[in-house]
Amino acid sequence: MWRGVTISYALKAMCFLPLAIAGFWAYGNKIPSSYGGLLTSFSQFNGRKNTSKAVLGLLCILVVINCLSTFQIYSMVVFDNLEFKYTSKKNKPCARWLRIAFRIFFGGLAFFISVAFPFLPSLAPLIGGMTLPLAYAYPCFMWITMKKPEPKSTMWFVNIGLGFLGLSLSVVLVIASVWNLADKGLHANFFRP
């Protein structure tokens, strides 16, 4: 698995660095931070008629390779969980064909959800704000609970401070995303990507 992560990150770097350098060299600060980034901006600035098919194809291939590598990295937790459930239930190692089947199943499920709910990117800040404490606050409080440092010591203050900073960032992000949804609205369209 470590080899897969290393290869995925190397592929992401090979896709992102040329794209970022060429995109900034060509467009500078004109690229909007909206959904789509360089891929959307490329067709807006150049138009379909002025762009060669080879350049547009290369750009799309780099984006597809990046997305596939990213999917492999961030879905690794799900794959591990599925394999762990299987091995703990059957008391035998997971076969190679079954690992491939797990990956195909989860990939198909993720694809179905993305097609069924194409408005999920507008809900991403809200979902991310609600889950932010899992990464930034809870580990600090868990460290205090498990290690039991001396109260009011330096490490105790650092972890309490970082934990409350993570919680406050989560609250601010949730408020901002709710404000943004109330301001722009949510256009929920099912199966219409």
N, C-alpha and C. Protein backbone atom coordinates (compact mmCIF):
# COMPACT_ATOMS: atom_id res chain seq x y z
N MET A 1 0.83 -1.19 0.00
CA MET A 1 0.00 0.00 0.00
C MET A 1 0.88 1.26 0.00
N TRP A 2 1.99 1.19 0.72
CA TRP A 2 2.89 2.34 0.74
C TRP A 2 3.42 2.63 -0.66
N ARG A 3 3.70 1.60 -1.42
CA ARG A 3 4.16 1.79 -2.79
C ARG A 3 3.09 2.47 -3.64
N GLY A 4 1.82 2.08 -3.45
CA GLY A 4 0.73 2.71 -4.19
C GLY A 4 0.58 4.18 -3.85
N VAL A 5 0.71 4.51 -2.57
CA VAL A 5 0.62 5.92 -2.16
C VAL A 5 1.78 6.72 -2.74
N THR A 6 2.98 6.15 -2.70
CA THR A 6 4.15 6.84 -3.25
C THR A 6 3.98 7.09 -4.74
N ILE A 7 3.52 6.09 -5.46
CA ILE A 7 3.31 6.25 -6.90
C ILE A 7 2.22 7.27 -7.17
N SER A 8 1.14 7.23 -6.37
CA SER A 8 0.04 8.19 -6.57
C SER A 8 0.50 9.62 -6.34
N TYR A 9 1.27 9.83 -5.27
CA TYR A 9 1.76 11.19 -5.02
C TYR A 9 2.75 11.63 -6.08
N ALA A 10 3.56 10.71 -6.58
CA ALA A 10 4.49 11.07 -7.66
C ALA A 10 3.72 11.45 -8.92
N LEU A 11 2.66 10.70 -9.24
CA LEU A 11 1.84 11.03 -10.41
C LEU A 11 1.14 12.38 -10.23
N LYS A 12 0.66 12.64 -9.01
CA LYS A 12 0.02 13.93 -8.75
C LYS A 12 1.02 15.08 -8.94
N ALA A 13 2.22 14.89 -8.46
CA ALA A 13 3.24 15.93 -8.61
C ALA A 13 3.60 16.14 -10.08
N MET A 14 3.69 15.03 -10.84
CA MET A 14 4.01 15.16 -12.26
C MET A 14 2.88 15.83 -13.03
N CYS A 15 1.66 15.73 -12.53
CA CYS A 15 0.53 16.39 -13.20
C CYS A 15 0.37 17.83 -12.74
N PHE A 16 0.51 18.06 -11.44
CA PHE A 16 0.24 19.39 -10.89
C PHE A 16 1.33 20.41 -11.21
N LEU A 17 2.59 20.02 -11.07
CA LEU A 17 3.65 21.00 -11.25
C LEU A 17 3.70 21.60 -12.66
N PRO A 18 3.69 20.79 -13.72
CA PRO A 18 3.67 21.42 -15.05
C PRO A 18 2.41 22.24 -15.29
N LEU A 19 1.29 21.76 -14.78
CA LEU A 19 0.03 22.48 -14.94
C LEU A 19 0.07 23.81 -14.21
N ALA A 20 0.59 23.82 -13.00
CA ALA A 20 0.66 25.05 -12.22
C ALA A 20 1.65 26.04 -12.82
N ILE A 21 2.81 25.55 -13.23
CA ILE A 21 3.82 26.44 -13.79
C ILE A 21 3.36 27.02 -15.12
N ALA A 22 2.85 26.17 -16.00
CA ALA A 22 2.38 26.65 -17.30
C ALA A 22 1.14 27.53 -17.14
N GLY A 23 0.25 27.17 -16.23
CA GLY A 23 -0.96 27.98 -16.03
C GLY A 23 -0.63 29.36 -15.49
N PHE A 24 0.29 29.44 -14.53
CA PHE A 24 0.65 30.76 -14.00
C PHE A 24 1.45 31.56 -15.03
N TRP A 25 2.30 30.87 -15.79
CA TRP A 25 3.07 31.57 -16.81
C TRP A 25 2.15 32.15 -17.88
N ALA A 26 1.12 31.41 -18.25
CA ALA A 26 0.23 31.86 -19.32
C ALA A 26 -0.82 32.86 -18.85
N TYR A 27 -1.37 32.65 -17.65
CA TYR A 27 -2.52 33.46 -17.23
C TYR A 27 -2.28 34.32 -16.00
N GLY A 28 -1.27 34.05 -15.25
CA GLY A 28 -0.99 34.86 -14.06
C GLY A 28 -2.09 34.75 -13.03
N ASN A 29 -2.54 35.89 -12.53
CA ASN A 29 -3.57 35.91 -11.49
C ASN A 29 -4.98 35.94 -12.05
N LYS A 30 -5.16 35.72 -13.34
CA LYS A 30 -6.48 35.80 -13.96
C LYS A 30 -7.34 34.55 -13.73
N ILE A 31 -6.76 33.50 -13.23
CA ILE A 31 -7.51 32.27 -13.04
C ILE A 31 -8.42 32.42 -11.84
N PRO A 32 -9.73 32.25 -12.03
CA PRO A 32 -10.64 32.40 -10.89
C PRO A 32 -10.53 31.21 -9.94
N SER A 33 -10.87 31.46 -8.70
CA SER A 33 -10.79 30.40 -7.70
C SER A 33 -12.08 29.59 -7.64
N SER A 34 -12.94 29.76 -8.61
CA SER A 34 -14.21 29.05 -8.61
C SER A 34 -14.01 27.58 -8.95
N TYR A 35 -15.08 26.86 -8.92
CA TYR A 35 -15.06 25.42 -9.18
C TYR A 35 -14.62 25.18 -10.63
N GLY A 36 -13.60 24.38 -10.82
CA GLY A 36 -13.13 24.07 -12.16
C GLY A 36 -11.69 24.52 -12.36
N GLY A 37 -11.30 25.65 -11.79
CA GLY A 37 -9.94 26.12 -11.82
C GLY A 37 -9.39 26.33 -13.21
N LEU A 38 -8.21 25.79 -13.46
CA LEU A 38 -7.50 26.01 -14.72
C LEU A 38 -8.23 25.38 -15.90
N LEU A 39 -8.84 24.22 -15.70
CA LEU A 39 -9.51 23.54 -16.80
C LEU A 39 -10.66 24.38 -17.35
N THR A 40 -11.44 24.99 -16.47
CA THR A 40 -12.53 25.85 -16.91
C THR A 40 -12.00 27.16 -17.48
N SER A 41 -10.98 27.72 -16.84
CA SER A 41 -10.41 28.99 -17.31
C SER A 41 -9.76 28.86 -18.67
N PHE A 42 -9.16 27.70 -18.92
CA PHE A 42 -8.47 27.50 -20.19
C PHE A 42 -9.42 27.65 -21.37
N SER A 43 -10.60 27.03 -21.25
CA SER A 43 -11.55 27.16 -22.35
C SER A 43 -12.20 28.54 -22.38
N GLN A 44 -12.31 29.22 -21.24
CA GLN A 44 -12.87 30.57 -21.22
C GLN A 44 -11.93 31.56 -21.89
N PHE A 45 -10.64 31.49 -21.57
CA PHE A 45 -9.69 32.46 -22.11
C PHE A 45 -9.37 32.22 -23.57
N ASN A 46 -9.19 30.96 -23.94
CA ASN A 46 -8.75 30.66 -25.30
C ASN A 46 -9.90 30.33 -26.24
N GLY A 47 -10.98 29.84 -25.71
CA GLY A 47 -12.07 29.40 -26.57
C GLY A 47 -11.74 28.06 -27.19
N ARG A 48 -12.72 27.39 -27.68
CA ARG A 48 -12.52 26.07 -28.29
C ARG A 48 -11.84 26.16 -29.65
N LYS A 49 -12.05 27.25 -30.37
CA LYS A 49 -11.52 27.36 -31.73
C LYS A 49 -10.02 27.65 -31.74
N ASN A 50 -9.52 28.41 -30.75
CA ASN A 50 -8.12 28.81 -30.74
C ASN A 50 -7.19 27.77 -30.11
N THR A 51 -7.74 26.73 -29.53
CA THR A 51 -6.95 25.74 -28.81
C THR A 51 -6.75 24.50 -29.67
N SER A 52 -5.52 24.04 -29.73
CA SER A 52 -5.28 22.80 -30.49
C SER A 52 -5.83 21.62 -29.70
N LYS A 53 -6.23 20.60 -30.41
CA LYS A 53 -6.80 19.43 -29.76
C LYS A 53 -5.76 18.68 -28.95
N ALA A 54 -4.50 18.75 -29.36
CA ALA A 54 -3.44 18.06 -28.61
C ALA A 54 -3.24 18.70 -27.25
N VAL A 55 -3.23 20.03 -27.19
CA VAL A 55 -3.06 20.72 -25.91
C VAL A 55 -4.25 20.47 -25.00
N LEU A 56 -5.45 20.56 -25.55
CA LEU A 56 -6.66 20.32 -24.76
C LEU A 56 -6.72 18.87 -24.28
N GLY A 57 -6.32 17.94 -25.14
CA GLY A 57 -6.29 16.53 -24.75
C GLY A 57 -5.27 16.26 -23.66
N LEU A 58 -4.08 16.87 -23.78
CA LEU A 58 -3.05 16.71 -22.75
C LEU A 58 -3.51 17.27 -21.42
N LEU A 59 -4.16 18.42 -21.46
CA LEU A 59 -4.67 19.03 -20.23
C LEU A 59 -5.71 18.13 -19.57
N CYS A 60 -6.61 17.58 -20.36
CA CYS A 60 -7.64 16.68 -19.82
C CYS A 60 -7.03 15.39 -19.29
N ILE A 61 -6.02 14.86 -19.97
CA ILE A 61 -5.37 13.64 -19.50
C ILE A 61 -4.67 13.89 -18.16
N LEU A 62 -4.01 15.03 -18.01
CA LEU A 62 -3.37 15.36 -16.74
C LEU A 62 -4.39 15.47 -15.62
N VAL A 63 -5.54 16.05 -15.90
CA VAL A 63 -6.59 16.18 -14.88
C VAL A 63 -7.14 14.80 -14.52
N VAL A 64 -7.36 13.93 -15.49
CA VAL A 64 -7.88 12.59 -15.22
C VAL A 64 -6.88 11.78 -14.39
N ILE A 65 -5.60 11.82 -14.76
CA ILE A 65 -4.58 11.10 -13.99
C ILE A 65 -4.52 11.62 -12.56
N ASN A 66 -4.61 12.94 -12.40
CA ASN A 66 -4.60 13.54 -11.07
C ASN A 66 -5.80 13.06 -10.25
N CYS A 67 -6.98 13.05 -10.86
CA CYS A 67 -8.18 12.63 -10.14
C CYS A 67 -8.11 11.16 -9.74
N LEU A 68 -7.62 10.31 -10.64
CA LEU A 68 -7.51 8.89 -10.31
C LEU A 68 -6.49 8.66 -9.19
N SER A 69 -5.38 9.39 -9.21
CA SER A 69 -4.38 9.26 -8.15
C SER A 69 -4.93 9.76 -6.83
N THR A 70 -5.66 10.86 -6.86
CA THR A 70 -6.24 11.40 -5.64
C THR A 70 -7.27 10.44 -5.06
N PHE A 71 -8.08 9.84 -5.92
CA PHE A 71 -9.07 8.87 -5.46
C PHE A 71 -8.40 7.71 -4.76
N GLN A 72 -7.29 7.23 -5.32
CA GLN A 72 -6.57 6.10 -4.72
C GLN A 72 -6.05 6.47 -3.33
N ILE A 73 -5.56 7.69 -3.17
CA ILE A 73 -4.99 8.09 -1.89
C ILE A 73 -6.07 8.26 -0.83
N TYR A 74 -7.11 9.01 -1.15
CA TYR A 74 -8.10 9.33 -0.13
C TYR A 74 -9.10 8.22 0.13
N SER A 75 -9.21 7.24 -0.75
CA SER A 75 -10.11 6.13 -0.49
C SER A 75 -9.38 4.95 0.15
N MET A 76 -8.11 5.11 0.41
CA MET A 76 -7.32 4.04 1.01
C MET A 76 -7.90 3.63 2.37
N VAL A 77 -8.44 4.56 3.12
CA VAL A 77 -9.02 4.25 4.42
C VAL A 77 -10.22 3.32 4.26
N VAL A 78 -11.03 3.59 3.25
CA VAL A 78 -12.20 2.74 3.00
C VAL A 78 -11.77 1.34 2.58
N PHE A 79 -10.77 1.26 1.71
CA PHE A 79 -10.28 -0.05 1.28
C PHE A 79 -9.74 -0.84 2.46
N ASP A 80 -8.97 -0.18 3.32
CA ASP A 80 -8.44 -0.85 4.50
C ASP A 80 -9.57 -1.34 5.41
N ASN A 81 -10.59 -0.52 5.57
CA ASN A 81 -11.70 -0.89 6.44
C ASN A 81 -12.46 -2.09 5.87
N LEU A 82 -12.71 -2.09 4.56
CA LEU A 82 -13.40 -3.23 3.95
C LEU A 82 -12.58 -4.52 4.08
N GLU A 83 -11.26 -4.41 3.85
CA GLU A 83 -10.40 -5.59 3.97
C GLU A 83 -10.31 -6.06 5.42
N PHE A 84 -10.28 -5.11 6.36
CA PHE A 84 -10.22 -5.49 7.78
C PHE A 84 -11.49 -6.21 8.20
N LYS A 85 -12.64 -5.71 7.76
CA LYS A 85 -13.91 -6.37 8.10
C LYS A 85 -13.93 -7.79 7.54
N TYR A 86 -13.46 -7.95 6.31
CA TYR A 86 -13.46 -9.28 5.69
C TYR A 86 -12.52 -10.22 6.44
N THR A 87 -11.29 -9.78 6.70
CA THR A 87 -10.32 -10.66 7.36
C THR A 87 -10.72 -10.98 8.79
N SER A 88 -11.35 -10.04 9.49
CA SER A 88 -11.78 -10.35 10.86
C SER A 88 -12.99 -11.28 10.88
N LYS A 89 -13.82 -11.21 9.85
CA LYS A 89 -15.01 -12.07 9.80
C LYS A 89 -14.66 -13.49 9.32
N LYS A 90 -13.80 -13.59 8.30
CA LYS A 90 -13.47 -14.89 7.71
C LYS A 90 -12.22 -15.53 8.32
N ASN A 91 -11.42 -14.76 9.07
CA ASN A 91 -10.17 -15.25 9.67
C ASN A 91 -9.18 -15.79 8.64
N LYS A 92 -9.14 -15.14 7.48
CA LYS A 92 -8.16 -15.49 6.46
C LYS A 92 -7.84 -14.22 5.67
N PRO A 93 -6.66 -14.19 5.04
CA PRO A 93 -6.30 -12.98 4.31
C PRO A 93 -7.20 -12.75 3.09
N CYS A 94 -7.27 -11.51 2.71
CA CYS A 94 -8.11 -11.09 1.59
C CYS A 94 -7.43 -11.48 0.27
N ALA A 95 -8.14 -12.14 -0.61
CA ALA A 95 -7.58 -12.54 -1.90
C ALA A 95 -7.42 -11.31 -2.80
N ARG A 96 -6.53 -11.44 -3.78
CA ARG A 96 -6.26 -10.31 -4.68
C ARG A 96 -7.50 -9.93 -5.49
N TRP A 97 -8.25 -10.92 -5.97
CA TRP A 97 -9.45 -10.62 -6.76
C TRP A 97 -10.50 -9.92 -5.91
N LEU A 98 -10.54 -10.26 -4.60
CA LEU A 98 -11.51 -9.61 -3.72
C LEU A 98 -11.11 -8.16 -3.44
N ARG A 99 -9.81 -7.90 -3.32
CA ARG A 99 -9.35 -6.51 -3.16
C ARG A 99 -9.74 -5.68 -4.37
N ILE A 100 -9.56 -6.26 -5.55
CA ILE A 100 -9.94 -5.55 -6.78
C ILE A 100 -11.45 -5.34 -6.81
N ALA A 101 -12.21 -6.33 -6.37
CA ALA A 101 -13.67 -6.19 -6.33
C ALA A 101 -14.10 -5.09 -5.36
N PHE A 102 -13.43 -5.02 -4.19
CA PHE A 102 -13.73 -3.94 -3.24
C PHE A 102 -13.49 -2.58 -3.86
N ARG A 103 -12.37 -2.45 -4.58
CA ARG A 103 -12.03 -1.16 -5.19
C ARG A 103 -13.03 -0.79 -6.29
N ILE A 104 -13.41 -1.77 -7.09
CA ILE A 104 -14.39 -1.51 -8.16
C ILE A 104 -15.74 -1.15 -7.55
N PHE A 105 -16.14 -1.85 -6.50
CA PHE A 105 -17.41 -1.55 -5.84
C PHE A 105 -17.42 -0.14 -5.28
N PHE A 106 -16.37 0.23 -4.56
CA PHE A 106 -16.34 1.57 -3.96
C PHE A 106 -16.23 2.65 -5.03
N GLY A 107 -15.45 2.40 -6.08
CA GLY A 107 -15.36 3.35 -7.18
C GLY A 107 -16.70 3.55 -7.87
N GLY A 108 -17.42 2.46 -8.09
CA GLY A 108 -18.76 2.57 -8.69
C GLY A 108 -19.73 3.30 -7.79
N LEU A 109 -19.65 3.03 -6.48
CA LEU A 109 -20.52 3.72 -5.53
C LEU A 109 -20.22 5.22 -5.51
N ALA A 110 -18.95 5.59 -5.50
CA ALA A 110 -18.57 7.00 -5.51
C ALA A 110 -19.01 7.67 -6.80
N PHE A 111 -18.88 6.96 -7.92
CA PHE A 111 -19.32 7.52 -9.21
C PHE A 111 -20.83 7.72 -9.22
N PHE A 112 -21.58 6.74 -8.70
CA PHE A 112 -23.04 6.86 -8.64
C PHE A 112 -23.45 8.05 -7.78
N ILE A 113 -22.81 8.23 -6.64
CA ILE A 113 -23.15 9.36 -5.76
C ILE A 113 -22.82 10.68 -6.44
N SER A 114 -21.70 10.75 -7.15
CA SER A 114 -21.34 12.02 -7.80
C SER A 114 -22.29 12.35 -8.94
N VAL A 115 -22.82 11.34 -9.62
CA VAL A 115 -23.79 11.60 -10.69
C VAL A 115 -25.17 11.89 -10.10
N ALA A 116 -25.53 11.18 -9.03
CA ALA A 116 -26.85 11.36 -8.43
C ALA A 116 -26.98 12.70 -7.71
N PHE A 117 -25.90 13.14 -7.08
CA PHE A 117 -25.93 14.39 -6.32
C PHE A 117 -24.85 15.34 -6.82
N PRO A 118 -25.03 15.96 -7.98
CA PRO A 118 -23.99 16.83 -8.51
C PRO A 118 -23.83 18.15 -7.75
N PHE A 119 -24.71 18.43 -6.81
CA PHE A 119 -24.63 19.67 -6.04
C PHE A 119 -23.80 19.50 -4.76
N LEU A 120 -23.19 18.35 -4.54
CA LEU A 120 -22.40 18.13 -3.33
C LEU A 120 -21.21 19.08 -3.17
N PRO A 121 -20.55 19.54 -4.26
CA PRO A 121 -19.46 20.51 -4.04
C PRO A 121 -19.91 21.79 -3.35
N SER A 122 -21.17 22.20 -3.53
CA SER A 122 -21.62 23.40 -2.83
C SER A 122 -21.89 23.12 -1.36
N LEU A 123 -22.06 21.85 -0.99
CA LEU A 123 -22.24 21.48 0.41
C LEU A 123 -20.92 21.09 1.08
N ALA A 124 -19.84 21.01 0.31
CA ALA A 124 -18.56 20.57 0.85
C ALA A 124 -18.05 21.43 2.00
N PRO A 125 -18.14 22.77 1.94
CA PRO A 125 -17.67 23.55 3.10
C PRO A 125 -18.47 23.26 4.37
N LEU A 126 -19.76 23.03 4.24
CA LEU A 126 -20.58 22.73 5.42
C LEU A 126 -20.20 21.37 6.00
N ILE A 127 -20.07 20.37 5.15
CA ILE A 127 -19.69 19.04 5.62
C ILE A 127 -18.27 19.07 6.19
N GLY A 128 -17.38 19.78 5.52
CA GLY A 128 -16.01 19.90 6.01
C GLY A 128 -15.93 20.63 7.34
N GLY A 129 -16.75 21.66 7.51
CA GLY A 129 -16.76 22.39 8.77
C GLY A 129 -17.26 21.54 9.92
N MET A 130 -18.22 20.67 9.63
CA MET A 130 -18.74 19.80 10.70
C MET A 130 -17.75 18.69 11.06
N THR A 131 -16.93 18.26 10.11
CA THR A 131 -15.97 17.20 10.39
C THR A 131 -14.58 17.71 10.73
N LEU A 132 -14.38 19.01 10.68
CA LEU A 132 -13.07 19.61 10.98
C LEU A 132 -12.55 19.25 12.36
N PRO A 133 -13.38 19.19 13.40
CA PRO A 133 -12.84 18.82 14.72
C PRO A 133 -12.20 17.44 14.77
N LEU A 134 -12.59 16.54 13.87
CA LEU A 134 -11.97 15.21 13.86
C LEU A 134 -10.48 15.29 13.59
N ALA A 135 -10.06 16.27 12.80
CA ALA A 135 -8.65 16.39 12.45
C ALA A 135 -7.90 17.39 13.33
N TYR A 136 -8.58 18.44 13.78
CA TYR A 136 -7.87 19.53 14.45
C TYR A 136 -8.14 19.64 15.94
N ALA A 137 -9.26 19.19 16.44
CA ALA A 137 -9.57 19.39 17.85
C ALA A 137 -9.49 18.09 18.66
N TYR A 138 -10.16 17.06 18.21
CA TYR A 138 -10.25 15.83 18.99
C TYR A 138 -8.89 15.20 19.28
N PRO A 139 -7.94 15.18 18.33
CA PRO A 139 -6.63 14.59 18.68
C PRO A 139 -5.95 15.29 19.85
N CYS A 140 -6.12 16.60 19.96
CA CYS A 140 -5.50 17.32 21.08
C CYS A 140 -6.14 16.91 22.40
N PHE A 141 -7.46 16.82 22.42
CA PHE A 141 -8.15 16.43 23.65
C PHE A 141 -7.91 14.96 23.97
N MET A 142 -7.80 14.12 22.94
CA MET A 142 -7.50 12.71 23.17
C MET A 142 -6.10 12.54 23.75
N TRP A 143 -5.14 13.35 23.29
CA TRP A 143 -3.78 13.27 23.81
C TRP A 143 -3.77 13.62 25.29
N ILE A 144 -4.54 14.64 25.66
CA ILE A 144 -4.61 15.02 27.08
C ILE A 144 -5.24 13.90 27.89
N THR A 145 -6.28 13.27 27.35
CA THR A 145 -6.96 12.19 28.07
C THR A 145 -6.07 10.96 28.22
N MET A 146 -5.31 10.64 27.17
CA MET A 146 -4.50 9.42 27.21
C MET A 146 -3.19 9.63 27.96
N LYS A 147 -2.50 10.72 27.70
CA LYS A 147 -1.18 10.94 28.30
C LYS A 147 -1.26 11.53 29.70
N LYS A 148 -2.37 12.17 30.01
CA LYS A 148 -2.60 12.78 31.32
C LYS A 148 -1.43 13.65 31.77
N PRO A 149 -1.13 14.71 30.98
CA PRO A 149 -0.03 15.58 31.42
C PRO A 149 -0.44 16.35 32.67
N GLU A 150 0.54 16.90 33.32
CA GLU A 150 0.26 17.68 34.53
C GLU A 150 -0.60 18.88 34.16
N PRO A 151 -1.72 19.07 34.86
CA PRO A 151 -2.59 20.22 34.53
C PRO A 151 -1.82 21.54 34.63
N LYS A 152 -2.12 22.40 33.70
CA LYS A 152 -1.51 23.73 33.60
C LYS A 152 -0.02 23.68 33.31
N SER A 153 0.43 22.57 32.70
CA SER A 153 1.80 22.52 32.21
C SER A 153 1.83 23.09 30.79
N THR A 154 2.99 23.21 30.21
CA THR A 154 3.12 23.79 28.87
C THR A 154 2.40 22.95 27.83
N MET A 155 2.61 21.64 27.84
CA MET A 155 1.96 20.77 26.85
C MET A 155 0.45 20.73 27.05
N TRP A 156 0.00 20.83 28.28
CA TRP A 156 -1.44 20.87 28.55
C TRP A 156 -2.04 22.12 27.93
N PHE A 157 -1.39 23.27 28.15
CA PHE A 157 -1.89 24.53 27.57
C PHE A 157 -1.84 24.51 26.05
N VAL A 158 -0.77 23.96 25.48
CA VAL A 158 -0.65 23.90 24.02
C VAL A 158 -1.77 23.06 23.43
N ASN A 159 -2.04 21.89 24.00
CA ASN A 159 -3.09 21.02 23.46
C ASN A 159 -4.48 21.59 23.69
N ILE A 160 -4.71 22.19 24.85
CA ILE A 160 -6.02 22.82 25.09
C ILE A 160 -6.21 23.98 24.12
N GLY A 161 -5.17 24.77 23.94
CA GLY A 161 -5.27 25.91 23.01
C GLY A 161 -5.51 25.48 21.58
N LEU A 162 -4.75 24.48 21.13
CA LEU A 162 -4.94 23.99 19.76
C LEU A 162 -6.30 23.32 19.57
N GLY A 163 -6.76 22.61 20.58
CA GLY A 163 -8.08 21.99 20.51
C GLY A 163 -9.19 23.02 20.39
N PHE A 164 -9.13 24.06 21.21
CA PHE A 164 -10.15 25.09 21.13
C PHE A 164 -10.02 25.93 19.86
N LEU A 165 -8.80 26.08 19.35
CA LEU A 165 -8.62 26.76 18.07
C LEU A 165 -9.27 25.95 16.95
N GLY A 166 -9.10 24.64 16.97
CA GLY A 166 -9.75 23.78 15.97
C GLY A 166 -11.26 23.84 16.07
N LEU A 167 -11.79 23.84 17.29
CA LEU A 167 -13.24 23.95 17.46
C LEU A 167 -13.76 25.30 16.98
N SER A 168 -13.03 26.37 17.28
CA SER A 168 -13.48 27.70 16.83
C SER A 168 -13.39 27.83 15.32
N LEU A 169 -12.36 27.25 14.70
CA LEU A 169 -12.28 27.26 13.24
C LEU A 169 -13.45 26.49 12.63
N SER A 170 -13.83 25.39 13.26
CA SER A 170 -14.96 24.62 12.78
C SER A 170 -16.25 25.42 12.86
N VAL A 171 -16.46 26.12 13.97
CA VAL A 171 -17.67 26.94 14.12
C VAL A 171 -17.70 28.05 13.08
N VAL A 172 -16.56 28.71 12.88
CA VAL A 172 -16.49 29.80 11.89
C VAL A 172 -16.77 29.27 10.49
N LEU A 173 -16.20 28.12 10.14
CA LEU A 173 -16.43 27.54 8.81
C LEU A 173 -17.88 27.14 8.60
N VAL A 174 -18.51 26.57 9.61
CA VAL A 174 -19.91 26.19 9.49
C VAL A 174 -20.78 27.43 9.32
N ILE A 175 -20.53 28.47 10.11
CA ILE A 175 -21.30 29.71 9.98
C ILE A 175 -21.11 30.33 8.61
N ALA A 176 -19.86 30.36 8.12
CA ALA A 176 -19.60 30.94 6.80
C ALA A 176 -20.25 30.13 5.69
N SER A 177 -20.23 28.83 5.79
CA SER A 177 -20.85 28.02 4.74
C SER A 177 -22.37 28.11 4.76
N VAL A 178 -22.95 28.20 5.95
CA VAL A 178 -24.40 28.39 6.04
C VAL A 178 -24.77 29.76 5.47
N TRP A 179 -23.97 30.77 5.79
CA TRP A 179 -24.20 32.12 5.24
C TRP A 179 -24.11 32.09 3.72
N ASN A 180 -23.11 31.41 3.19
CA ASN A 180 -22.93 31.33 1.75
C ASN A 180 -24.10 30.59 1.10
N LEU A 181 -24.57 29.51 1.72
CA LEU A 181 -25.71 28.78 1.18
C LEU A 181 -26.99 29.62 1.24
N ALA A 182 -27.15 30.40 2.31
CA ALA A 182 -28.33 31.26 2.41
C ALA A 182 -28.27 32.38 1.40
N ASP A 183 -27.05 32.86 1.13
CA ASP A 183 -26.90 33.98 0.18
C ASP A 183 -27.07 33.52 -1.27
N LYS A 184 -26.41 32.42 -1.64
CA LYS A 184 -26.44 31.96 -3.03
C LYS A 184 -27.52 30.93 -3.29
N GLY A 185 -27.96 30.26 -2.25
CA GLY A 185 -28.97 29.22 -2.41
C GLY A 185 -28.35 27.90 -2.84
N LEU A 186 -29.10 26.85 -2.65
CA LEU A 186 -28.66 25.52 -3.04
C LEU A 186 -29.57 25.04 -4.16
N HIS A 187 -29.00 24.84 -5.31
CA HIS A 187 -29.77 24.37 -6.46
C HIS A 187 -29.61 22.86 -6.55
N ALA A 188 -30.46 22.17 -5.83
CA ALA A 188 -30.38 20.72 -5.77
C ALA A 188 -31.02 20.11 -7.01
N ASN A 189 -30.21 19.50 -7.84
CA ASN A 189 -30.71 18.82 -9.02
C ASN A 189 -30.15 17.40 -9.00
N PHE A 190 -31.01 16.43 -9.02
CA PHE A 190 -30.60 15.04 -8.93
C PHE A 190 -30.44 14.45 -10.34
N PHE A 191 -29.38 13.74 -10.55
CA PHE A 191 -29.07 13.07 -11.82
C PHE A 191 -29.01 14.04 -13.00
N ARG A 192 -28.58 15.28 -12.75
CA ARG A 192 -28.37 16.25 -13.83
C ARG A 192 -27.02 16.94 -13.64
N PRO A 193 -25.95 16.24 -13.96
CA PRO A 193 -24.61 16.82 -13.74
C PRO A 193 -24.33 17.99 -14.67
